[in-house]
Amino acid sequence: MASIFPTDPAQDAAVVTPSDTANHGDVRGLFVGGAGNVSLVTALGNTVVFTGVLAGSILPVRCTQVRATSTTATNIVALY
């Protein structure tokens, strides 16, 4: 069953390999396993860098891409 509301929990997850070209689909949020910076492209097309993300954090941001450039965090998992 597909999510209807933005507040619905994620239904799936996948390991993310940061890339400046790959589209990761309609990501609902990111789990960051290893501390660092996360550069991403939001669902509306803006590029932003989250600086100093702590290990174990969940970034509740819809995005289409986790960029390799400026991303230093590790063990990133996309929530769908």
N, C-alpha and C. Protein backbone atom coordinates (compact mmCIF):
# COMPACT_ATOMS: atom_id res chain seq x y z
N MET A 1 0.84 -1.18 0.00
CA MET A 1 0.00 0.00 0.00
C MET A 1 0.89 1.24 0.00
N ALA A 2 0.64 2.16 -0.87
CA ALA A 2 1.45 3.38 -0.98
C ALA A 2 1.12 4.36 0.13
N SER A 3 2.13 5.14 0.51
CA SER A 3 1.92 6.20 1.51
C SER A 3 1.02 7.27 0.93
N ILE A 4 0.12 7.76 1.76
CA ILE A 4 -0.79 8.80 1.32
C ILE A 4 -0.38 10.15 1.89
N PHE A 5 0.08 10.16 3.12
CA PHE A 5 0.43 11.40 3.80
C PHE A 5 1.94 11.53 3.99
N PRO A 6 2.47 12.75 3.94
CA PRO A 6 3.91 12.94 4.15
C PRO A 6 4.38 12.48 5.53
N THR A 7 3.48 12.40 6.48
CA THR A 7 3.86 11.98 7.83
C THR A 7 3.84 10.47 8.02
N ASP A 8 3.38 9.73 7.00
CA ASP A 8 3.41 8.27 7.09
C ASP A 8 4.85 7.79 7.22
N PRO A 9 5.09 6.72 7.97
CA PRO A 9 6.45 6.20 8.09
C PRO A 9 6.95 5.62 6.77
N ALA A 10 8.24 5.51 6.66
CA ALA A 10 8.84 4.92 5.46
C ALA A 10 8.40 3.47 5.33
N GLN A 11 8.30 3.01 4.08
CA GLN A 11 7.91 1.63 3.80
C GLN A 11 9.07 0.78 3.31
N ASP A 12 10.17 1.42 2.98
CA ASP A 12 11.32 0.69 2.45
C ASP A 12 12.59 1.49 2.74
N ALA A 13 13.72 0.85 2.54
CA ALA A 13 15.02 1.50 2.77
C ALA A 13 16.04 0.89 1.82
N ALA A 14 17.07 1.67 1.51
CA ALA A 14 18.14 1.18 0.64
C ALA A 14 19.43 1.94 0.96
N VAL A 15 20.53 1.23 0.91
CA VAL A 15 21.83 1.86 1.11
C VAL A 15 22.07 2.85 -0.02
N VAL A 16 22.62 4.01 0.33
CA VAL A 16 22.89 5.05 -0.65
C VAL A 16 24.39 5.17 -0.90
N THR A 17 24.77 5.15 -2.16
CA THR A 17 26.13 5.48 -2.55
C THR A 17 26.07 6.89 -3.11
N PRO A 18 26.65 7.88 -2.39
CA PRO A 18 26.59 9.25 -2.88
C PRO A 18 27.13 9.36 -4.31
N SER A 19 26.44 10.14 -5.13
CA SER A 19 26.81 10.30 -6.54
C SER A 19 26.37 11.68 -7.01
N ASP A 20 27.18 12.29 -7.84
CA ASP A 20 26.82 13.60 -8.40
C ASP A 20 25.93 13.46 -9.63
N THR A 21 25.66 12.23 -10.07
CA THR A 21 24.85 12.03 -11.26
C THR A 21 23.63 11.14 -11.03
N ALA A 22 23.71 10.18 -10.13
CA ALA A 22 22.61 9.22 -9.94
C ALA A 22 21.41 9.86 -9.25
N ASN A 23 20.23 9.50 -9.70
CA ASN A 23 18.99 9.93 -9.07
C ASN A 23 18.54 8.79 -8.16
N HIS A 24 18.32 9.09 -6.88
CA HIS A 24 17.96 8.07 -5.91
C HIS A 24 16.46 7.90 -5.76
N GLY A 25 15.68 8.56 -6.60
CA GLY A 25 14.23 8.44 -6.54
C GLY A 25 13.62 9.40 -5.53
N ASP A 26 12.39 9.13 -5.13
CA ASP A 26 11.66 10.00 -4.20
C ASP A 26 11.96 9.59 -2.75
N VAL A 27 13.08 10.05 -2.23
CA VAL A 27 13.51 9.70 -0.87
C VAL A 27 12.72 10.53 0.13
N ARG A 28 12.20 9.88 1.18
CA ARG A 28 11.41 10.55 2.23
C ARG A 28 12.29 11.05 3.36
N GLY A 29 13.48 10.49 3.50
CA GLY A 29 14.39 10.88 4.58
C GLY A 29 15.65 10.06 4.48
N LEU A 30 16.65 10.44 5.27
CA LEU A 30 17.94 9.75 5.26
C LEU A 30 18.35 9.39 6.67
N PHE A 31 18.83 8.16 6.86
CA PHE A 31 19.49 7.77 8.09
C PHE A 31 20.98 7.91 7.85
N VAL A 32 21.69 8.57 8.75
CA VAL A 32 23.14 8.78 8.62
C VAL A 32 23.83 7.96 9.71
N GLY A 33 24.55 6.93 9.30
CA GLY A 33 25.20 6.04 10.25
C GLY A 33 26.54 6.55 10.76
N GLY A 34 27.27 7.26 9.90
CA GLY A 34 28.58 7.80 10.29
C GLY A 34 28.59 9.31 10.14
N ALA A 35 29.03 10.00 11.18
CA ALA A 35 28.98 11.47 11.25
C ALA A 35 29.69 12.14 10.08
N GLY A 36 29.20 13.33 9.73
CA GLY A 36 29.82 14.13 8.69
C GLY A 36 28.82 15.06 8.03
N ASN A 37 29.18 15.53 6.85
CA ASN A 37 28.31 16.42 6.08
C ASN A 37 27.53 15.62 5.04
N VAL A 38 26.30 16.07 4.75
CA VAL A 38 25.48 15.43 3.72
C VAL A 38 25.04 16.50 2.74
N SER A 39 25.45 16.33 1.49
CA SER A 39 25.04 17.22 0.42
C SER A 39 23.96 16.51 -0.38
N LEU A 40 22.83 17.20 -0.59
CA LEU A 40 21.73 16.56 -1.30
C LEU A 40 20.99 17.56 -2.17
N VAL A 41 20.18 17.01 -3.05
CA VAL A 41 19.29 17.81 -3.89
C VAL A 41 17.88 17.54 -3.39
N THR A 42 17.20 18.60 -2.96
CA THR A 42 15.84 18.45 -2.41
C THR A 42 14.85 18.08 -3.51
N ALA A 43 13.67 17.66 -3.08
CA ALA A 43 12.61 17.29 -4.03
C ALA A 43 12.24 18.47 -4.93
N LEU A 44 12.49 19.69 -4.48
CA LEU A 44 12.18 20.88 -5.29
C LEU A 44 13.38 21.35 -6.12
N GLY A 45 14.50 20.59 -6.07
CA GLY A 45 15.63 20.87 -6.94
C GLY A 45 16.73 21.74 -6.36
N ASN A 46 16.67 22.07 -5.08
CA ASN A 46 17.72 22.89 -4.46
C ASN A 46 18.82 22.02 -3.90
N THR A 47 20.07 22.45 -4.06
CA THR A 47 21.21 21.75 -3.48
C THR A 47 21.54 22.38 -2.14
N VAL A 48 21.69 21.55 -1.11
CA VAL A 48 21.96 22.04 0.24
C VAL A 48 22.93 21.07 0.91
N VAL A 49 23.77 21.61 1.81
CA VAL A 49 24.68 20.78 2.58
C VAL A 49 24.29 20.87 4.05
N PHE A 50 24.00 19.72 4.65
CA PHE A 50 23.77 19.63 6.09
C PHE A 50 25.14 19.36 6.71
N THR A 51 25.61 20.30 7.52
CA THR A 51 26.96 20.24 8.08
C THR A 51 26.93 19.66 9.49
N GLY A 52 27.87 18.75 9.76
CA GLY A 52 28.03 18.22 11.11
C GLY A 52 26.90 17.32 11.56
N VAL A 53 26.37 16.51 10.66
CA VAL A 53 25.30 15.59 11.02
C VAL A 53 25.89 14.50 11.93
N LEU A 54 25.24 14.25 13.05
CA LEU A 54 25.73 13.26 14.01
C LEU A 54 25.40 11.84 13.56
N ALA A 55 26.25 10.90 13.93
CA ALA A 55 26.00 9.49 13.64
C ALA A 55 24.69 9.07 14.30
N GLY A 56 23.88 8.33 13.57
CA GLY A 56 22.61 7.87 14.09
C GLY A 56 21.46 8.82 13.86
N SER A 57 21.72 9.90 13.13
CA SER A 57 20.68 10.90 12.86
C SER A 57 19.78 10.48 11.70
N ILE A 58 18.54 10.96 11.76
CA ILE A 58 17.63 10.85 10.64
C ILE A 58 17.34 12.26 10.15
N LEU A 59 17.59 12.49 8.86
CA LEU A 59 17.28 13.78 8.25
C LEU A 59 15.91 13.65 7.59
N PRO A 60 14.89 14.31 8.12
CA PRO A 60 13.54 14.19 7.57
C PRO A 60 13.33 15.15 6.39
N VAL A 61 14.06 14.89 5.31
CA VAL A 61 13.98 15.78 4.16
C VAL A 61 13.75 14.95 2.90
N ARG A 62 12.81 15.39 2.08
CA ARG A 62 12.57 14.70 0.80
C ARG A 62 13.64 15.15 -0.18
N CYS A 63 14.25 14.18 -0.84
CA CYS A 63 15.32 14.51 -1.78
C CYS A 63 15.35 13.49 -2.91
N THR A 64 16.08 13.84 -3.96
CA THR A 64 16.20 12.96 -5.11
C THR A 64 17.63 12.48 -5.32
N GLN A 65 18.57 13.15 -4.65
CA GLN A 65 19.97 12.81 -4.87
C GLN A 65 20.79 13.12 -3.62
N VAL A 66 21.68 12.20 -3.27
CA VAL A 66 22.71 12.45 -2.26
C VAL A 66 24.00 12.61 -3.04
N ARG A 67 24.56 13.81 -2.99
CA ARG A 67 25.71 14.14 -3.83
C ARG A 67 27.02 13.66 -3.21
N ALA A 68 27.94 13.21 -4.05
CA ALA A 68 29.27 12.80 -3.59
C ALA A 68 30.08 14.03 -3.19
N THR A 69 29.95 15.10 -3.97
CA THR A 69 30.66 16.34 -3.68
C THR A 69 30.15 16.91 -2.37
N SER A 70 31.04 17.13 -1.43
CA SER A 70 30.77 17.72 -0.11
C SER A 70 30.14 16.76 0.89
N THR A 71 29.84 15.51 0.50
CA THR A 71 29.31 14.54 1.46
C THR A 71 30.47 13.79 2.09
N THR A 72 30.59 13.91 3.42
CA THR A 72 31.63 13.20 4.16
C THR A 72 31.04 12.17 5.11
N ALA A 73 29.74 12.23 5.34
CA ALA A 73 29.07 11.25 6.20
C ALA A 73 29.11 9.88 5.52
N THR A 74 29.01 8.82 6.31
CA THR A 74 29.06 7.46 5.78
C THR A 74 27.85 6.67 6.24
N ASN A 75 27.71 5.49 5.67
CA ASN A 75 26.63 4.56 6.03
C ASN A 75 25.26 5.23 5.95
N ILE A 76 25.00 5.86 4.81
CA ILE A 76 23.74 6.57 4.58
C ILE A 76 22.71 5.59 4.01
N VAL A 77 21.51 5.64 4.57
CA VAL A 77 20.42 4.79 4.11
C VAL A 77 19.24 5.68 3.75
N ALA A 78 18.71 5.49 2.54
CA ALA A 78 17.53 6.23 2.09
C ALA A 78 16.28 5.55 2.61
N LEU A 79 15.34 6.36 3.07
CA LEU A 79 14.05 5.87 3.54
C LEU A 79 13.00 6.23 2.51
N TYR A 80 12.24 5.24 2.07
CA TYR A 80 11.23 5.45 1.02
C TYR A 80 9.84 5.24 1.57
